[in-house]
Amino acid sequence: MLPSNQRLNRQQITIFLADPTTKVVFNRIGTLKYRKTPTNSALSVVTGSKNQKKAVLRNKARRQLYSLFRQYMLKNKDNMPLQGMVYVSKHIYGMSFNEIKANFYALLEKSR
């Protein structure tokens, strides 16, 4: 799990969504809305109950994406920090962790 200072809170999400510089990329995992920031990196993961009714599976996907984001940022410290929101698609619930990892890293690479 990401520390709370690396997750977007409600106030930051409102500002983030209103920002016209926000860009969008997507793949099989879902949609990433992001913007580059001069400050620290932050991420928020949105898993809707419309795609998966079981909260256990939604929380598992959320935790996996948070841990992958933390690993990616530790590995790529020289990159410009970004703030982003991941809207998870229904396909993620049938994927293995290695598939999720490959697709999520591809999604982050698209944003660079």
C-alpha atoms as a PDB file:
ATOM      1  CA  MET A   1       0.000   0.000   0.000  1.00  0.00           C
ATOM      2  CA  LEU A   2       1.175   3.474  -0.757  1.00  0.00           C
ATOM      3  CA  PRO A   3       1.700   5.899   2.099  1.00  0.00           C
ATOM      4  CA  SER A   4      -1.080   8.470   2.426  1.00  0.00           C
ATOM      5  CA  ASN A   5       1.157  11.282   1.138  1.00  0.00           C
ATOM      6  CA  GLN A   6       1.489   9.396  -2.165  1.00  0.00           C
ATOM      7  CA  ARG A   7      -2.266   8.944  -2.605  1.00  0.00           C
ATOM      8  CA  LEU A   8      -4.595  11.671  -3.811  1.00  0.00           C
ATOM      9  CA  ASN A   9      -7.175  12.866  -1.285  1.00  0.00           C
ATOM     10  CA  ARG A  10     -10.617  14.283  -2.155  1.00  0.00           C
ATOM     11  CA  GLN A  11      -9.463  17.877  -2.392  1.00  0.00           C
ATOM     12  CA  GLN A  12      -6.525  16.931  -4.626  1.00  0.00           C
ATOM     13  CA  ILE A  13      -8.790  14.803  -6.839  1.00  0.00           C
ATOM     14  CA  THR A  14     -11.176  17.732  -7.368  1.00  0.00           C
ATOM     15  CA  ILE A  15      -8.289  20.002  -8.366  1.00  0.00           C
ATOM     16  CA  PHE A  16      -6.762  17.245 -10.488  1.00  0.00           C
ATOM     17  CA  LEU A  17      -9.931  16.596 -12.494  1.00  0.00           C
ATOM     18  CA  ALA A  18     -10.515  20.317 -13.104  1.00  0.00           C
ATOM     19  CA  ASP A  19      -6.979  20.824 -14.445  1.00  0.00           C
ATOM     20  CA  PRO A  20      -6.960  21.262 -18.259  1.00  0.00           C
ATOM     21  CA  THR A  21      -3.421  19.820 -18.519  1.00  0.00           C
ATOM     22  CA  THR A  22      -4.655  16.363 -17.457  1.00  0.00           C
ATOM     23  CA  LYS A  23      -3.945  13.743 -20.151  1.00  0.00           C
ATOM     24  CA  VAL A  24      -5.429  10.283 -20.693  1.00  0.00           C
ATOM     25  CA  VAL A  25      -3.926   6.935 -21.741  1.00  0.00           C
ATOM     26  CA  PHE A  26      -5.529   3.512 -21.585  1.00  0.00           C
ATOM     27  CA  ASN A  27      -4.959  -0.182 -22.157  1.00  0.00           C
ATOM     28  CA  ARG A  28      -6.497  -3.483 -21.064  1.00  0.00           C
ATOM     29  CA  ILE A  29      -6.063  -2.729 -17.353  1.00  0.00           C
ATOM     30  CA  GLY A  30      -8.037   0.497 -17.514  1.00  0.00           C
ATOM     31  CA  THR A  31      -7.649   4.230 -17.997  1.00  0.00           C
ATOM     32  CA  LEU A  32      -4.944   6.432 -16.512  1.00  0.00           C
ATOM     33  CA  LYS A  33      -5.610  10.147 -16.189  1.00  0.00           C
ATOM     34  CA  TYR A  34      -2.375  11.900 -15.324  1.00  0.00           C
ATOM     35  CA  ARG A  35      -0.461  15.144 -15.201  1.00  0.00           C
ATOM     36  CA  LYS A  36       3.189  15.846 -14.601  1.00  0.00           C
ATOM     37  CA  THR A  37       3.971  17.808 -11.450  1.00  0.00           C
ATOM     38  CA  PRO A  38       7.099  19.428 -10.057  1.00  0.00           C
ATOM     39  CA  THR A  39       6.328  18.029  -6.592  1.00  0.00           C
ATOM     40  CA  ASN A  40       5.942  14.436  -5.409  1.00  0.00           C
ATOM     41  CA  SER A  41       4.177  11.610  -7.241  1.00  0.00           C
ATOM     42  CA  ALA A  42       0.693  10.531  -6.194  1.00  0.00           C
ATOM     43  CA  LEU A  43      -1.823   7.978  -7.421  1.00  0.00           C
ATOM     44  CA  SER A  44      -5.442   7.141  -6.812  1.00  0.00           C
ATOM     45  CA  VAL A  45      -7.100   3.905  -7.932  1.00  0.00           C
ATOM     46  CA  VAL A  46     -10.830   3.782  -8.693  1.00  0.00           C
ATOM     47  CA  THR A  47     -12.439   0.340  -8.704  1.00  0.00           C
ATOM     48  CA  GLY A  48     -16.159   0.509  -9.257  1.00  0.00           C
ATOM     49  CA  SER A  49     -18.697  -1.945  -7.918  1.00  0.00           C
ATOM     50  CA  LYS A  50     -20.293  -1.916 -11.360  1.00  0.00           C
ATOM     51  CA  ASN A  51     -17.377  -3.995 -12.704  1.00  0.00           C
ATOM     52  CA  GLN A  52     -16.906  -6.305  -9.711  1.00  0.00           C
ATOM     53  CA  LYS A  53     -19.431  -6.827  -6.946  1.00  0.00           C
ATOM     54  CA  LYS A  54     -17.023  -8.444  -4.456  1.00  0.00           C
ATOM     55  CA  ALA A  55     -15.163  -5.864  -2.387  1.00  0.00           C
ATOM     56  CA  VAL A  56     -12.412  -8.384  -1.650  1.00  0.00           C
ATOM     57  CA  LEU A  57     -11.467  -8.575  -5.339  1.00  0.00           C
ATOM     58  CA  ARG A  58     -11.751  -4.805  -5.830  1.00  0.00           C
ATOM     59  CA  ASN A  59      -9.467  -4.170  -2.853  1.00  0.00           C
ATOM     60  CA  LYS A  60      -6.987  -6.788  -4.058  1.00  0.00           C
ATOM     61  CA  ALA A  61      -6.719  -5.061  -7.452  1.00  0.00           C
ATOM     62  CA  ARG A  62      -6.326  -1.686  -5.733  1.00  0.00           C
ATOM     63  CA  ARG A  63      -3.556  -2.975  -3.440  1.00  0.00           C
ATOM     64  CA  GLN A  64      -1.743  -4.602  -6.367  1.00  0.00           C
ATOM     65  CA  LEU A  65      -1.758  -1.390  -8.389  1.00  0.00           C
ATOM     66  CA  TYR A  66      -0.590   0.681  -5.418  1.00  0.00           C
ATOM     67  CA  SER A  67       2.317  -1.689  -4.785  1.00  0.00           C
ATOM     68  CA  LEU A  68       3.255  -1.731  -8.489  1.00  0.00           C
ATOM     69  CA  PHE A  69       3.215   2.079  -8.581  1.00  0.00           C
ATOM     70  CA  ARG A  70       5.470   2.246  -5.523  1.00  0.00           C
ATOM     71  CA  GLN A  71       7.931  -0.235  -7.085  1.00  0.00           C
ATOM     72  CA  TYR A  72       7.903   1.643 -10.390  1.00  0.00           C
ATOM     73  CA  MET A  73       8.618   4.989  -8.736  1.00  0.00           C
ATOM     74  CA  LEU A  74      11.447   3.543  -6.641  1.00  0.00           C
ATOM     75  CA  LYS A  75      12.997   1.993  -9.727  1.00  0.00           C
ATOM     76  CA  ASN A  76      12.615   5.146 -11.882  1.00  0.00           C
ATOM     77  CA  LYS A  77      13.525   7.973  -9.513  1.00  0.00           C
ATOM     78  CA  ASP A  78      15.021  10.076 -12.313  1.00  0.00           C
ATOM     79  CA  ASN A  79      11.663  10.458 -14.099  1.00  0.00           C
ATOM     80  CA  MET A  80       9.463  13.511 -13.666  1.00  0.00           C
ATOM     81  CA  PRO A  81       6.888  12.982 -10.880  1.00  0.00           C
ATOM     82  CA  LEU A  82       3.292  12.512 -11.937  1.00  0.00           C
ATOM     83  CA  GLN A  83      -0.114  12.568 -10.331  1.00  0.00           C
ATOM     84  CA  GLY A  84      -2.612  10.117 -11.684  1.00  0.00           C
ATOM     85  CA  MET A  85      -5.907   8.343 -11.309  1.00  0.00           C
ATOM     86  CA  VAL A  86      -6.380   4.792 -12.559  1.00  0.00           C
ATOM     87  CA  TYR A  87      -9.916   3.770 -13.476  1.00  0.00           C
ATOM     88  CA  VAL A  88      -9.808  -0.035 -13.408  1.00  0.00           C
ATOM     89  CA  SER A  89     -11.567  -2.003 -16.157  1.00  0.00           C
ATOM     90  CA  LYS A  90     -13.404  -5.280 -15.624  1.00  0.00           C
ATOM     91  CA  HIS A  91     -10.623  -7.238 -17.374  1.00  0.00           C
ATOM     92  CA  ILE A  92      -8.189  -6.805 -14.479  1.00  0.00           C
ATOM     93  CA  TYR A  93     -10.132  -9.194 -12.247  1.00  0.00           C
ATOM     94  CA  GLY A  94      -9.347 -12.167 -14.518  1.00  0.00           C
ATOM     95  CA  MET A  95      -5.631 -11.388 -14.946  1.00  0.00           C
ATOM     96  CA  SER A  96      -2.664 -12.890 -13.151  1.00  0.00           C
ATOM     97  CA  PHE A  97      -0.339 -10.613 -11.198  1.00  0.00           C
ATOM     98  CA  ASN A  98       2.342 -10.832 -13.910  1.00  0.00           C
ATOM     99  CA  GLU A  99      -0.149  -9.732 -16.570  1.00  0.00           C
ATOM    100  CA  ILE A 100      -1.298  -6.853 -14.373  1.00  0.00           C
ATOM    101  CA  LYS A 101       2.319  -5.844 -13.779  1.00  0.00           C
ATOM    102  CA  ALA A 102       3.200  -5.869 -17.497  1.00  0.00           C
ATOM    103  CA  ASN A 103       0.084  -3.913 -18.473  1.00  0.00           C
ATOM    104  CA  PHE A 104       0.409  -1.380 -15.644  1.00  0.00           C
ATOM    105  CA  TYR A 105       4.066  -0.696 -16.428  1.00  0.00           C
ATOM    106  CA  ALA A 106       3.117  -0.284 -20.106  1.00  0.00           C
ATOM    107  CA  LEU A 107       0.438   2.197 -19.042  1.00  0.00           C
ATOM    108  CA  LEU A 108       2.954   4.186 -16.998  1.00  0.00           C
ATOM    109  CA  GLU A 109       5.464   4.132 -19.856  1.00  0.00           C
ATOM    110  CA  LYS A 110       2.825   5.592 -22.177  1.00  0.00           C
ATOM    111  CA  SER A 111       2.489   8.508 -19.780  1.00  0.00           C
ATOM    112  CA  ARG A 112       6.213   9.294 -19.913  1.00  0.00           C
END
